[in-house]
């Protein structure tokens, strides 16, 4: 698990299939010009950067890897001998691939919402954004494979907020604010003018700043708050929990439940509500193992039977916990490499 395009043709935001069809035509033309011309060594030098871009775009480790592989296939089919900035070209390519993936995901979400309405199962409330795949590392054992992604890492709370952005907002914000891609190069990707693309990024920035505060940079200070949280949870000390939680703390969980029911994310707001929920799960505290989750203090909870129970990411600001993001879906946990936390 790791952390850290040429302008594409116009395609309607609601016509992902049209976009893909046009891209396929472009790929065929590129293949005729320079199939198999990609320099593997040059591409590998850019792979860590491309992984970081794709992960921040998609919030999925597996989908990010797929996007990078698709980028390699397009690069290998294209004559890039006249490309002056290969890194920028590849970033644009992976951005287009991720944009199409985000659009497909948004369409599926809309169809799912409409099907729930049609079935009379409610759905009037907007479903909270999914919790992205976490990037994990033991606190005492650096993983060289993750150094690029964890360098200048993006906290899980920010990744959750990115999930709530529109595809065009997310692409514009990630490419410009996180990777310094000029708006003039992003604009053809999202099929907007440079000025309109700037507005997309600005709108995304306001959403991020309002809902994902920057955590304390001192990891030791973060760990003190997290340790205090679990110490209070173990003893059921509600007052101690309230002391370490910000009054407006938000707890987000993927809503996993027993059985194979469809799971929906849940959100709890306020220190007293979150503290009351935390006390209910005091039995899990002894099994919490310190971890870096997206570069910040967190824990991996491994049950007495050796099976993963949850991953918890904490956002600590000014020594207080302002956000807790919890992943408990057994299927998603099983897909993560947690061997480093098994002993």
C-alpha atoms as a PDB file:
ATOM      1  CA  UNK A   1       0.000   0.000   0.000  1.00  0.00           C
ATOM      2  CA  UNK A   2       1.491   3.326  -0.974  1.00  0.00           C
ATOM      3  CA  UNK A   3       0.591   7.089  -0.374  1.00  0.00           C
ATOM      4  CA  UNK A   4       1.831  10.004  -2.280  1.00  0.00           C
ATOM      5  CA  UNK A   5      -2.196  13.701 -19.000  1.00  0.00           C
ATOM      6  CA  UNK A   6      -2.140  15.080 -22.047  1.00  0.00           C
ATOM      7  CA  UNK A   7      -5.289  17.173 -22.394  1.00  0.00           C
ATOM      8  CA  UNK A   8      -8.006  14.713 -23.226  1.00  0.00           C
ATOM      9  CA  UNK A   9     -10.758  15.096 -25.777  1.00  0.00           C
ATOM     10  CA  UNK A  10     -14.070  16.635 -24.773  1.00  0.00           C
ATOM     11  CA  UNK A  11     -16.595  14.227 -23.308  1.00  0.00           C
ATOM     12  CA  UNK A  12     -19.861  15.001 -21.530  1.00  0.00           C
ATOM     13  CA  UNK A  13     -19.814  14.628 -17.780  1.00  0.00           C
ATOM     14  CA  UNK A  14     -22.832  12.379 -17.953  1.00  0.00           C
ATOM     15  CA  UNK A  15     -21.458  10.401 -20.883  1.00  0.00           C
ATOM     16  CA  UNK A  16     -18.685   8.290 -19.421  1.00  0.00           C
ATOM     17  CA  UNK A  17     -19.226   5.677 -22.076  1.00  0.00           C
ATOM     18  CA  UNK A  18     -18.760   8.345 -24.777  1.00  0.00           C
ATOM     19  CA  UNK A  19     -15.574   9.522 -23.096  1.00  0.00           C
ATOM     20  CA  UNK A  20     -14.233   6.008 -22.949  1.00  0.00           C
ATOM     21  CA  UNK A  21     -15.163   5.391 -26.567  1.00  0.00           C
ATOM     22  CA  UNK A  22     -13.318   8.517 -27.659  1.00  0.00           C
ATOM     23  CA  UNK A  23     -10.331   7.512 -25.570  1.00  0.00           C
ATOM     24  CA  UNK A  24     -10.330   4.077 -27.177  1.00  0.00           C
ATOM     25  CA  UNK A  25     -10.234   5.722 -30.587  1.00  0.00           C
ATOM     26  CA  UNK A  26      -7.340   7.877 -29.455  1.00  0.00           C
ATOM     27  CA  UNK A  27      -5.533   4.826 -28.127  1.00  0.00           C
ATOM     28  CA  UNK A  28      -5.976   3.051 -31.478  1.00  0.00           C
ATOM     29  CA  UNK A  29      -4.481   6.029 -33.269  1.00  0.00           C
ATOM     30  CA  UNK A  30      -1.659   6.193 -30.748  1.00  0.00           C
ATOM     31  CA  UNK A  31      -1.013   2.494 -31.167  1.00  0.00           C
ATOM     32  CA  UNK A  32      -0.636   2.970 -34.897  1.00  0.00           C
ATOM     33  CA  UNK A  33       1.873   5.747 -34.287  1.00  0.00           C
ATOM     34  CA  UNK A  34       4.003   4.158 -31.619  1.00  0.00           C
ATOM     35  CA  UNK A  35       2.828   0.876 -30.121  1.00  0.00           C
ATOM     36  CA  UNK A  36       5.252  -0.512 -27.583  1.00  0.00           C
ATOM     37  CA  UNK A  37       7.339   2.670 -27.619  1.00  0.00           C
ATOM     38  CA  UNK A  38       7.111   3.325 -23.893  1.00  0.00           C
ATOM     39  CA  UNK A  39      10.337   3.379 -21.909  1.00  0.00           C
ATOM     40  CA  UNK A  40       9.691   1.168 -18.870  1.00  0.00           C
ATOM     41  CA  UNK A  41      12.560   2.662 -16.880  1.00  0.00           C
ATOM     42  CA  UNK A  42      11.301   6.207 -17.411  1.00  0.00           C
ATOM     43  CA  UNK A  43       7.793   5.190 -16.412  1.00  0.00           C
ATOM     44  CA  UNK A  44       8.948   3.405 -13.249  1.00  0.00           C
ATOM     45  CA  UNK A  45      10.689   6.583 -12.124  1.00  0.00           C
ATOM     46  CA  UNK A  46       7.272   8.285 -12.127  1.00  0.00           C
ATOM     47  CA  UNK A  47       5.241   5.385 -10.703  1.00  0.00           C
ATOM     48  CA  UNK A  48       5.365   6.465  -7.008  1.00  0.00           C
ATOM     49  CA  UNK A  49       4.139   9.952  -7.946  1.00  0.00           C
ATOM     50  CA  UNK A  50       1.365   8.519 -10.104  1.00  0.00           C
ATOM     51  CA  UNK A  51       0.262   6.234  -7.262  1.00  0.00           C
ATOM     52  CA  UNK A  52       0.057   9.214  -4.937  1.00  0.00           C
ATOM     53  CA  UNK A  53      -2.046  11.168  -7.449  1.00  0.00           C
ATOM     54  CA  UNK A  54      -4.381   8.236  -8.122  1.00  0.00           C
ATOM     55  CA  UNK A  55      -4.834   7.385  -4.441  1.00  0.00           C
ATOM     56  CA  UNK A  56      -5.776  10.956  -3.539  1.00  0.00           C
ATOM     57  CA  UNK A  57      -8.153  11.041  -6.487  1.00  0.00           C
ATOM     58  CA  UNK A  58      -9.846   7.698  -5.810  1.00  0.00           C
ATOM     59  CA  UNK A  59      -9.322   6.873  -2.124  1.00  0.00           C
ATOM     60  CA  UNK A  60      -8.877   3.219  -3.086  1.00  0.00           C
ATOM     61  CA  UNK A  61      -5.536   1.444  -3.081  1.00  0.00           C
ATOM     62  CA  UNK A  62      -6.607  -1.207  -5.592  1.00  0.00           C
ATOM     63  CA  UNK A  63      -8.264   1.302  -7.934  1.00  0.00           C
ATOM     64  CA  UNK A  64      -5.225   3.568  -7.731  1.00  0.00           C
ATOM     65  CA  UNK A  65      -2.963   0.673  -8.749  1.00  0.00           C
ATOM     66  CA  UNK A  66      -5.308  -0.125 -11.639  1.00  0.00           C
ATOM     67  CA  UNK A  67      -5.252   3.511 -12.760  1.00  0.00           C
ATOM     68  CA  UNK A  68      -1.460   3.555 -12.752  1.00  0.00           C
ATOM     69  CA  UNK A  69      -1.372   0.328 -14.749  1.00  0.00           C
ATOM     70  CA  UNK A  70      -3.817   1.788 -17.284  1.00  0.00           C
ATOM     71  CA  UNK A  71      -1.540   4.831 -17.500  1.00  0.00           C
ATOM     72  CA  UNK A  72       1.390   2.565 -18.330  1.00  0.00           C
ATOM     73  CA  UNK A  73      -0.622   0.850 -21.085  1.00  0.00           C
ATOM     74  CA  UNK A  74      -1.514   4.189 -22.662  1.00  0.00           C
ATOM     75  CA  UNK A  75       2.061   5.404 -22.346  1.00  0.00           C
ATOM     76  CA  UNK A  76       3.372   2.222 -23.935  1.00  0.00           C
ATOM     77  CA  UNK A  77       1.016   2.689 -26.897  1.00  0.00           C
ATOM     78  CA  UNK A  78       1.882   6.334 -27.483  1.00  0.00           C
ATOM     79  CA  UNK A  79       4.806   7.988 -29.191  1.00  0.00           C
ATOM     80  CA  UNK A  80       6.017  10.436 -26.543  1.00  0.00           C
ATOM     81  CA  UNK A  81       9.287  11.334 -28.228  1.00  0.00           C
ATOM     82  CA  UNK A  82       8.162  14.946 -28.593  1.00  0.00           C
ATOM     83  CA  UNK A  83       6.771  15.267 -25.041  1.00  0.00           C
ATOM     84  CA  UNK A  84       8.984  17.710 -23.165  1.00  0.00           C
ATOM     85  CA  UNK A  85       7.578  17.125 -19.684  1.00  0.00           C
ATOM     86  CA  UNK A  86       6.901  13.398 -19.311  1.00  0.00           C
ATOM     87  CA  UNK A  87       5.953  13.694 -15.643  1.00  0.00           C
ATOM     88  CA  UNK A  88       3.307  16.295 -16.435  1.00  0.00           C
ATOM     89  CA  UNK A  89       2.010  14.256 -19.376  1.00  0.00           C
ATOM     90  CA  UNK A  90       1.679  11.113 -17.236  1.00  0.00           C
ATOM     91  CA  UNK A  91      -0.028  13.088 -14.451  1.00  0.00           C
ATOM     92  CA  UNK A  92      -2.594  14.311 -16.950  1.00  0.00           C
ATOM     93  CA  UNK A  93      -3.161  10.783 -18.249  1.00  0.00           C
ATOM     94  CA  UNK A  94      -3.725   9.311 -14.796  1.00  0.00           C
ATOM     95  CA  UNK A  95      -5.952  12.291 -13.979  1.00  0.00           C
ATOM     96  CA  UNK A  96      -8.209  11.530 -16.962  1.00  0.00           C
ATOM     97  CA  UNK A  97      -8.414   7.849 -15.981  1.00  0.00           C
ATOM     98  CA  UNK A  98      -9.321   8.769 -12.401  1.00  0.00           C
ATOM     99  CA  UNK A  99     -11.880  11.334 -13.558  1.00  0.00           C
ATOM    100  CA  UNK A 100     -13.684   8.692 -15.611  1.00  0.00           C
ATOM    101  CA  UNK A 101     -13.615   6.347 -12.620  1.00  0.00           C
ATOM    102  CA  UNK A 102     -15.041   9.047 -10.347  1.00  0.00           C
ATOM    103  CA  UNK A 103     -17.795   9.809 -12.828  1.00  0.00           C
ATOM    104  CA  UNK A 104     -18.716   6.124 -13.074  1.00  0.00           C
ATOM    105  CA  UNK A 105     -18.747   5.871  -9.297  1.00  0.00           C
ATOM    106  CA  UNK A 106     -21.001   8.931  -8.985  1.00  0.00           C
ATOM    107  CA  UNK A 107     -23.392   7.495 -11.538  1.00  0.00           C
ATOM    108  CA  UNK A 108     -23.609   4.186  -9.685  1.00  0.00           C
ATOM    109  CA  UNK A 109     -24.250   6.024  -6.432  1.00  0.00           C
ATOM    110  CA  UNK A 110     -27.054   8.024  -8.036  1.00  0.00           C
ATOM    111  CA  UNK A 111     -28.617   4.877  -9.486  1.00  0.00           C
ATOM    112  CA  UNK A 112     -28.412   3.176  -6.094  1.00  0.00           C
ATOM    113  CA  UNK A 113     -30.073   6.171  -4.434  1.00  0.00           C
ATOM    114  CA  UNK A 114     -32.869   6.166  -7.005  1.00  0.00           C
ATOM    115  CA  UNK A 115     -33.412   2.430  -6.597  1.00  0.00           C
ATOM    116  CA  UNK A 116     -33.806   2.852  -2.816  1.00  0.00           C
ATOM    117  CA  UNK A 117     -36.359   5.605  -3.385  1.00  0.00           C
ATOM    118  CA  UNK A 118     -38.195   3.460  -5.906  1.00  0.00           C
ATOM    119  CA  UNK A 119     -38.262   0.546  -3.472  1.00  0.00           C
ATOM    120  CA  UNK A 120     -39.783   2.775  -0.811  1.00  0.00           C
ATOM    121  CA  UNK A 121     -36.824   2.291   1.538  1.00  0.00           C
ATOM    122  CA  UNK A 122     -36.327   5.953   2.279  1.00  0.00           C
ATOM    123  CA  UNK A 123     -33.039   7.462   1.262  1.00  0.00           C
ATOM    124  CA  UNK A 124     -34.225  11.026   1.616  1.00  0.00           C
ATOM    125  CA  UNK A 125     -31.109  11.869   3.610  1.00  0.00           C
ATOM    126  CA  UNK A 126     -27.827  12.277   1.775  1.00  0.00           C
ATOM    127  CA  UNK A 127     -25.629   9.282   2.495  1.00  0.00           C
ATOM    128  CA  UNK A 128     -22.350  10.207   4.209  1.00  0.00           C
ATOM    129  CA  UNK A 129     -19.234   9.715   2.082  1.00  0.00           C
ATOM    130  CA  UNK A 130     -17.447   6.366   2.274  1.00  0.00           C
ATOM    131  CA  UNK A 131     -14.294   6.007   4.323  1.00  0.00           C
ATOM    132  CA  UNK A 132     -11.370   5.632   1.916  1.00  0.00           C
ATOM    133  CA  UNK A 133      -8.799   2.848   2.179  1.00  0.00           C
ATOM    134  CA  UNK A 134      -6.332   3.773   4.928  1.00  0.00           C
ATOM    135  CA  UNK A 135      -2.573   3.796   4.422  1.00  0.00           C
ATOM    136  CA  UNK A 136      -1.053   1.938   7.360  1.00  0.00           C
ATOM    137  CA  UNK A 137       2.350   1.665   8.947  1.00  0.00           C
ATOM    138  CA  UNK A 138       3.603   0.460  12.274  1.00  0.00           C
ATOM    139  CA  UNK A 139       4.963   3.241  14.430  1.00  0.00           C
ATOM    140  CA  UNK A 140       8.203   1.334  15.050  1.00  0.00           C
ATOM    141  CA  UNK A 141       8.856  -0.194  11.618  1.00  0.00           C
ATOM    142  CA  UNK A 142       9.134   2.101   8.592  1.00  0.00           C
ATOM    143  CA  UNK A 143       7.930   0.581   5.330  1.00  0.00           C
ATOM    144  CA  UNK A 144      10.059   1.833   2.394  1.00  0.00           C
ATOM    145  CA  UNK A 145       7.221   1.022  -0.035  1.00  0.00           C
ATOM    146  CA  UNK A 146       4.995   3.594   1.658  1.00  0.00           C
ATOM    147  CA  UNK A 147       7.497   6.393   2.131  1.00  0.00           C
ATOM    148  CA  UNK A 148       6.401   8.291  -0.995  1.00  0.00           C
ATOM    149  CA  UNK A 149       2.721   8.073  -0.128  1.00  0.00           C
ATOM    150  CA  UNK A 150       3.201   8.876   3.542  1.00  0.00           C
ATOM    151  CA  UNK A 151       5.520  11.788   2.813  1.00  0.00           C
ATOM    152  CA  UNK A 152       3.406  14.938   3.033  1.00  0.00           C
ATOM    153  CA  UNK A 153       0.534  12.539   3.586  1.00  0.00           C
ATOM    154  CA  UNK A 154      -3.139  13.415   3.479  1.00  0.00           C
ATOM    155  CA  UNK A 155      -5.031  12.527   6.649  1.00  0.00           C
ATOM    156  CA  UNK A 156      -7.967  10.154   6.451  1.00  0.00           C
ATOM    157  CA  UNK A 157     -10.359  12.903   7.576  1.00  0.00           C
ATOM    158  CA  UNK A 158      -9.362  14.984   4.552  1.00  0.00           C
ATOM    159  CA  UNK A 159      -9.704  11.939   2.305  1.00  0.00           C
ATOM    160  CA  UNK A 160     -13.266  11.486   3.599  1.00  0.00           C
ATOM    161  CA  UNK A 161     -14.089  15.091   2.687  1.00  0.00           C
ATOM    162  CA  UNK A 162     -12.620  14.557  -0.787  1.00  0.00           C
ATOM    163  CA  UNK A 163     -15.157  11.735  -1.215  1.00  0.00           C
ATOM    164  CA  UNK A 164     -17.948  14.308  -0.940  1.00  0.00           C
ATOM    165  CA  UNK A 165     -16.659  16.477  -3.804  1.00  0.00           C
ATOM    166  CA  UNK A 166     -17.960  16.230  -7.338  1.00  0.00           C
ATOM    167  CA  UNK A 167     -15.592  14.458  -9.773  1.00  0.00           C
ATOM    168  CA  UNK A 168     -14.593  17.739 -11.423  1.00  0.00           C
ATOM    169  CA  UNK A 169     -14.050  19.475  -8.051  1.00  0.00           C
ATOM    170  CA  UNK A 170     -11.907  16.626  -6.774  1.00  0.00           C
ATOM    171  CA  UNK A 171      -9.747  16.439  -9.883  1.00  0.00           C
ATOM    172  CA  UNK A 172      -9.246  20.216  -9.968  1.00  0.00           C
ATOM    173  CA  UNK A 173      -8.428  20.452  -6.261  1.00  0.00           C
ATOM    174  CA  UNK A 174      -6.129  17.436  -6.085  1.00  0.00           C
ATOM    175  CA  UNK A 175      -4.150  18.265  -9.207  1.00  0.00           C
ATOM    176  CA  UNK A 176      -3.758  21.967  -8.450  1.00  0.00           C
ATOM    177  CA  UNK A 177      -3.572  22.214  -4.661  1.00  0.00           C
ATOM    178  CA  UNK A 178      -1.731  18.964  -3.970  1.00  0.00           C
ATOM    179  CA  UNK A 179       0.410  18.568  -7.081  1.00  0.00           C
ATOM    180  CA  UNK A 180       0.741  22.125  -8.428  1.00  0.00           C
ATOM    181  CA  UNK A 181      -0.667  21.353 -11.876  1.00  0.00           C
ATOM    182  CA  UNK A 182      -1.594  24.649 -13.587  1.00  0.00           C
ATOM    183  CA  UNK A 183      -5.292  25.312 -14.175  1.00  0.00           C
ATOM    184  CA  UNK A 184      -4.583  25.710 -17.885  1.00  0.00           C
ATOM    185  CA  UNK A 185      -3.546  22.042 -18.000  1.00  0.00           C
ATOM    186  CA  UNK A 186      -6.448  20.819 -15.849  1.00  0.00           C
ATOM    187  CA  UNK A 187      -9.127  22.711 -17.790  1.00  0.00           C
ATOM    188  CA  UNK A 188      -9.263  20.420 -20.863  1.00  0.00           C
ATOM    189  CA  UNK A 189      -9.504  17.444 -18.501  1.00  0.00           C
ATOM    190  CA  UNK A 190     -12.695  18.675 -16.824  1.00  0.00           C
ATOM    191  CA  UNK A 191     -13.965  20.311 -20.027  1.00  0.00           C
ATOM    192  CA  UNK A 192     -14.014  23.811 -18.555  1.00  0.00           C
ATOM    193  CA  UNK A 193     -12.181  27.064 -19.135  1.00  0.00           C
ATOM    194  CA  UNK A 194      -9.157  27.767 -16.937  1.00  0.00           C
ATOM    195  CA  UNK A 195     -11.215  30.368 -15.037  1.00  0.00           C
ATOM    196  CA  UNK A 196     -14.050  27.892 -14.422  1.00  0.00           C
ATOM    197  CA  UNK A 197     -11.537  25.259 -13.328  1.00  0.00           C
ATOM    198  CA  UNK A 198     -10.086  27.742 -10.848  1.00  0.00           C
ATOM    199  CA  UNK A 199     -13.602  28.194  -9.439  1.00  0.00           C
ATOM    200  CA  UNK A 200     -14.030  24.414  -9.106  1.00  0.00           C
ATOM    201  CA  UNK A 201     -10.834  24.192  -7.071  1.00  0.00           C
ATOM    202  CA  UNK A 202     -11.815  27.214  -4.985  1.00  0.00           C
ATOM    203  CA  UNK A 203     -15.200  25.683  -4.168  1.00  0.00           C
ATOM    204  CA  UNK A 204     -13.540  22.403  -3.218  1.00  0.00           C
ATOM    205  CA  UNK A 205     -11.010  24.261  -1.083  1.00  0.00           C
ATOM    206  CA  UNK A 206     -13.758  25.964   0.915  1.00  0.00           C
ATOM    207  CA  UNK A 207     -15.429  22.616   1.585  1.00  0.00           C
ATOM    208  CA  UNK A 208     -12.144  21.064   2.691  1.00  0.00           C
ATOM    209  CA  UNK A 209     -11.146  23.942   4.948  1.00  0.00           C
ATOM    210  CA  UNK A 210     -14.528  23.949   6.634  1.00  0.00           C
ATOM    211  CA  UNK A 211     -14.684  20.209   7.320  1.00  0.00           C
ATOM    212  CA  UNK A 212     -11.111  18.883   7.520  1.00  0.00           C
ATOM    213  CA  UNK A 213      -8.954  20.970   9.876  1.00  0.00           C
ATOM    214  CA  UNK A 214      -5.196  20.550   9.643  1.00  0.00           C
ATOM    215  CA  UNK A 215      -3.956  18.204  12.409  1.00  0.00           C
ATOM    216  CA  UNK A 216      -1.141  18.905  14.831  1.00  0.00           C
ATOM    217  CA  UNK A 217       2.175  18.264  13.096  1.00  0.00           C
ATOM    218  CA  UNK A 218       3.709  16.793  16.255  1.00  0.00           C
ATOM    219  CA  UNK A 219       3.063  13.030  16.133  1.00  0.00           C
ATOM    220  CA  UNK A 220       4.001  12.661  19.794  1.00  0.00           C
ATOM    221  CA  UNK A 221       1.296  15.159  20.753  1.00  0.00           C
ATOM    222  CA  UNK A 222      -1.204  13.286  18.610  1.00  0.00           C
ATOM    223  CA  UNK A 223      -0.278  10.002  20.280  1.00  0.00           C
ATOM    224  CA  UNK A 224      -0.767  11.501  23.758  1.00  0.00           C
ATOM    225  CA  UNK A 225      -4.362  12.375  22.864  1.00  0.00           C
ATOM    226  CA  UNK A 226      -5.053   8.957  21.318  1.00  0.00           C
ATOM    227  CA  UNK A 227      -3.543   7.126  24.314  1.00  0.00           C
ATOM    228  CA  UNK A 228      -5.643   9.249  26.661  1.00  0.00           C
ATOM    229  CA  UNK A 229      -8.749   8.341  24.637  1.00  0.00           C
ATOM    230  CA  UNK A 230      -8.123   4.612  24.990  1.00  0.00           C
ATOM    231  CA  UNK A 231      -7.104   4.861  28.648  1.00  0.00           C
ATOM    232  CA  UNK A 232     -10.416   6.565  29.395  1.00  0.00           C
ATOM    233  CA  UNK A 233     -12.305   4.051  27.227  1.00  0.00           C
ATOM    234  CA  UNK A 234     -10.786   1.071  29.102  1.00  0.00           C
ATOM    235  CA  UNK A 235     -11.909   2.389  32.464  1.00  0.00           C
ATOM    236  CA  UNK A 236     -15.215   3.818  31.271  1.00  0.00           C
ATOM    237  CA  UNK A 237     -14.187   7.285  32.502  1.00  0.00           C
ATOM    238  CA  UNK A 238     -16.676   9.525  30.711  1.00  0.00           C
ATOM    239  CA  UNK A 239     -15.215  12.737  32.143  1.00  0.00           C
ATOM    240  CA  UNK A 240     -11.724  11.823  30.923  1.00  0.00           C
ATOM    241  CA  UNK A 241     -13.126  11.092  27.475  1.00  0.00           C
ATOM    242  CA  UNK A 242     -14.893  14.429  27.366  1.00  0.00           C
ATOM    243  CA  UNK A 243     -11.637  16.127  28.365  1.00  0.00           C
ATOM    244  CA  UNK A 244      -9.727  14.745  25.361  1.00  0.00           C
ATOM    245  CA  UNK A 245     -12.541  15.161  22.825  1.00  0.00           C
ATOM    246  CA  UNK A 246     -13.221  18.469  21.104  1.00  0.00           C
ATOM    247  CA  UNK A 247     -16.784  19.630  21.897  1.00  0.00           C
ATOM    248  CA  UNK A 248     -17.636  19.409  18.180  1.00  0.00           C
ATOM    249  CA  UNK A 249     -15.849  16.120  17.518  1.00  0.00           C
ATOM    250  CA  UNK A 250     -17.158  14.045  14.596  1.00  0.00           C
ATOM    251  CA  UNK A 251     -17.040  10.250  14.487  1.00  0.00           C
ATOM    252  CA  UNK A 252     -17.528   8.632  11.084  1.00  0.00           C
ATOM    253  CA  UNK A 253     -17.854   4.880  10.654  1.00  0.00           C
ATOM    254  CA  UNK A 254     -18.557   2.689   7.667  1.00  0.00           C
ATOM    255  CA  UNK A 255     -21.613   1.253   9.399  1.00  0.00           C
ATOM    256  CA  UNK A 256     -20.559  -2.387   9.101  1.00  0.00           C
ATOM    257  CA  UNK A 257     -22.887  -4.710  10.974  1.00  0.00           C
ATOM    258  CA  UNK A 258     -23.231  -8.379  11.670  1.00  0.00           C
ATOM    259  CA  UNK A 259     -24.466 -10.480   8.768  1.00  0.00           C
ATOM    260  CA  UNK A 260     -24.317  -9.556   5.107  1.00  0.00           C
ATOM    261  CA  UNK A 261     -26.723  -6.626   5.133  1.00  0.00           C
ATOM    262  CA  UNK A 262     -26.054  -3.616   2.979  1.00  0.00           C
ATOM    263  CA  UNK A 263     -23.926  -1.236   5.022  1.00  0.00           C
ATOM    264  CA  UNK A 264     -24.335   2.520   5.130  1.00  0.00           C
ATOM    265  CA  UNK A 265     -21.870   4.949   6.701  1.00  0.00           C
ATOM    266  CA  UNK A 266     -22.894   6.604   9.957  1.00  0.00           C
ATOM    267  CA  UNK A 267     -21.876   9.901  11.532  1.00  0.00           C
ATOM    268  CA  UNK A 268     -21.964  10.916  15.202  1.00  0.00           C
ATOM    269  CA  UNK A 269     -21.528  14.525  16.281  1.00  0.00           C
ATOM    270  CA  UNK A 270     -20.573  16.066  19.611  1.00  0.00           C
ATOM    271  CA  UNK A 271     -18.291  15.019  22.461  1.00  0.00           C
ATOM    272  CA  UNK A 272     -20.966  13.534  24.709  1.00  0.00           C
ATOM    273  CA  UNK A 273     -22.473  11.408  21.920  1.00  0.00           C
ATOM    274  CA  UNK A 274     -19.074  10.154  20.777  1.00  0.00           C
ATOM    275  CA  UNK A 275     -17.916   9.500  24.344  1.00  0.00           C
ATOM    276  CA  UNK A 276     -21.052   7.508  25.104  1.00  0.00           C
ATOM    277  CA  UNK A 277     -20.466   5.370  22.028  1.00  0.00           C
ATOM    278  CA  UNK A 278     -16.781   4.861  22.876  1.00  0.00           C
ATOM    279  CA  UNK A 279     -17.541   3.644  26.398  1.00  0.00           C
ATOM    280  CA  UNK A 280     -19.789   0.935  24.955  1.00  0.00           C
ATOM    281  CA  UNK A 281     -16.798  -0.642  23.226  1.00  0.00           C
ATOM    282  CA  UNK A 282     -14.358  -0.580  26.121  1.00  0.00           C
ATOM    283  CA  UNK A 283     -13.733  -4.315  25.663  1.00  0.00           C
ATOM    284  CA  UNK A 284     -11.837  -3.627  22.431  1.00  0.00           C
ATOM    285  CA  UNK A 285      -9.357  -1.190  23.980  1.00  0.00           C
ATOM    286  CA  UNK A 286      -6.820  -3.842  25.090  1.00  0.00           C
ATOM    287  CA  UNK A 287      -6.538  -5.016  21.480  1.00  0.00           C
ATOM    288  CA  UNK A 288      -5.760  -1.595  19.984  1.00  0.00           C
ATOM    289  CA  UNK A 289      -2.293  -1.562  18.417  1.00  0.00           C
ATOM    290  CA  UNK A 290      -0.618   1.777  17.674  1.00  0.00           C
ATOM    291  CA  UNK A 291      -0.325   2.605  13.990  1.00  0.00           C
ATOM    292  CA  UNK A 292       0.256   5.462  11.639  1.00  0.00           C
ATOM    293  CA  UNK A 293      -2.919   5.880   9.607  1.00  0.00           C
ATOM    294  CA  UNK A 294      -2.286   8.124   6.619  1.00  0.00           C
ATOM    295  CA  UNK A 295       0.681   9.525   8.482  1.00  0.00           C
ATOM    296  CA  UNK A 296      -1.250  10.388  11.658  1.00  0.00           C
ATOM    297  CA  UNK A 297      -1.718   8.670  15.021  1.00  0.00           C
ATOM    298  CA  UNK A 298      -4.244   5.868  14.932  1.00  0.00           C
ATOM    299  CA  UNK A 299      -4.760   2.231  15.836  1.00  0.00           C
ATOM    300  CA  UNK A 300      -5.398  -1.153  14.299  1.00  0.00           C
ATOM    301  CA  UNK A 301      -7.651  -3.300  16.485  1.00  0.00           C
ATOM    302  CA  UNK A 302      -6.845  -7.024  16.250  1.00  0.00           C
ATOM    303  CA  UNK A 303      -9.221  -9.263  18.215  1.00  0.00           C
ATOM    304  CA  UNK A 304      -8.234 -12.086  20.550  1.00  0.00           C
ATOM    305  CA  UNK A 305      -8.842 -14.517  17.679  1.00  0.00           C
ATOM    306  CA  UNK A 306      -6.243 -12.736  15.552  1.00  0.00           C
ATOM    307  CA  UNK A 307      -8.786 -11.257  13.181  1.00  0.00           C
ATOM    308  CA  UNK A 308      -8.885  -7.517  12.433  1.00  0.00           C
ATOM    309  CA  UNK A 309     -11.801  -5.731  14.068  1.00  0.00           C
ATOM    310  CA  UNK A 310     -11.308  -2.129  13.008  1.00  0.00           C
ATOM    311  CA  UNK A 311      -8.941   0.602  11.962  1.00  0.00           C
ATOM    312  CA  UNK A 312      -9.305   3.971  13.666  1.00  0.00           C
ATOM    313  CA  UNK A 313      -7.821   7.227  12.434  1.00  0.00           C
ATOM    314  CA  UNK A 314      -7.707  10.269  14.716  1.00  0.00           C
ATOM    315  CA  UNK A 315      -7.422  13.938  13.806  1.00  0.00           C
ATOM    316  CA  UNK A 316      -5.872  15.849  16.694  1.00  0.00           C
ATOM    317  CA  UNK A 317      -5.875  19.652  16.727  1.00  0.00           C
ATOM    318  CA  UNK A 318      -4.492  21.614  19.661  1.00  0.00           C
ATOM    319  CA  UNK A 319      -4.212  18.423  21.699  1.00  0.00           C
ATOM    320  CA  UNK A 320      -7.912  17.588  21.308  1.00  0.00           C
ATOM    321  CA  UNK A 321      -9.476  14.938  19.092  1.00  0.00           C
ATOM    322  CA  UNK A 322     -11.667  16.660  16.483  1.00  0.00           C
ATOM    323  CA  UNK A 323     -12.406  13.671  14.238  1.00  0.00           C
ATOM    324  CA  UNK A 324     -12.383   9.869  14.428  1.00  0.00           C
ATOM    325  CA  UNK A 325     -12.762   7.768  11.290  1.00  0.00           C
ATOM    326  CA  UNK A 326     -13.466   4.075  11.803  1.00  0.00           C
ATOM    327  CA  UNK A 327     -13.297   1.271   9.260  1.00  0.00           C
ATOM    328  CA  UNK A 328     -14.946  -1.975  10.437  1.00  0.00           C
ATOM    329  CA  UNK A 329     -16.197  -3.609   7.230  1.00  0.00           C
ATOM    330  CA  UNK A 330     -14.743  -7.156   7.428  1.00  0.00           C
ATOM    331  CA  UNK A 331     -14.523  -7.439   3.638  1.00  0.00           C
ATOM    332  CA  UNK A 332     -12.500  -4.245   3.323  1.00  0.00           C
ATOM    333  CA  UNK A 333     -10.342  -5.137   6.316  1.00  0.00           C
ATOM    334  CA  UNK A 334      -9.605  -8.527   4.767  1.00  0.00           C
ATOM    335  CA  UNK A 335      -8.408  -6.806   1.592  1.00  0.00           C
ATOM    336  CA  UNK A 336      -5.768  -4.808   3.507  1.00  0.00           C
ATOM    337  CA  UNK A 337      -2.305  -6.096   4.337  1.00  0.00           C
ATOM    338  CA  UNK A 338      -2.304  -6.131   8.146  1.00  0.00           C
ATOM    339  CA  UNK A 339       0.431  -8.739   8.653  1.00  0.00           C
ATOM    340  CA  UNK A 340       2.680  -6.131  10.284  1.00  0.00           C
ATOM    341  CA  UNK A 341       0.148  -5.828  13.117  1.00  0.00           C
ATOM    342  CA  UNK A 342      -0.441  -9.544  13.642  1.00  0.00           C
ATOM    343  CA  UNK A 343       2.210 -10.087  16.326  1.00  0.00           C
END
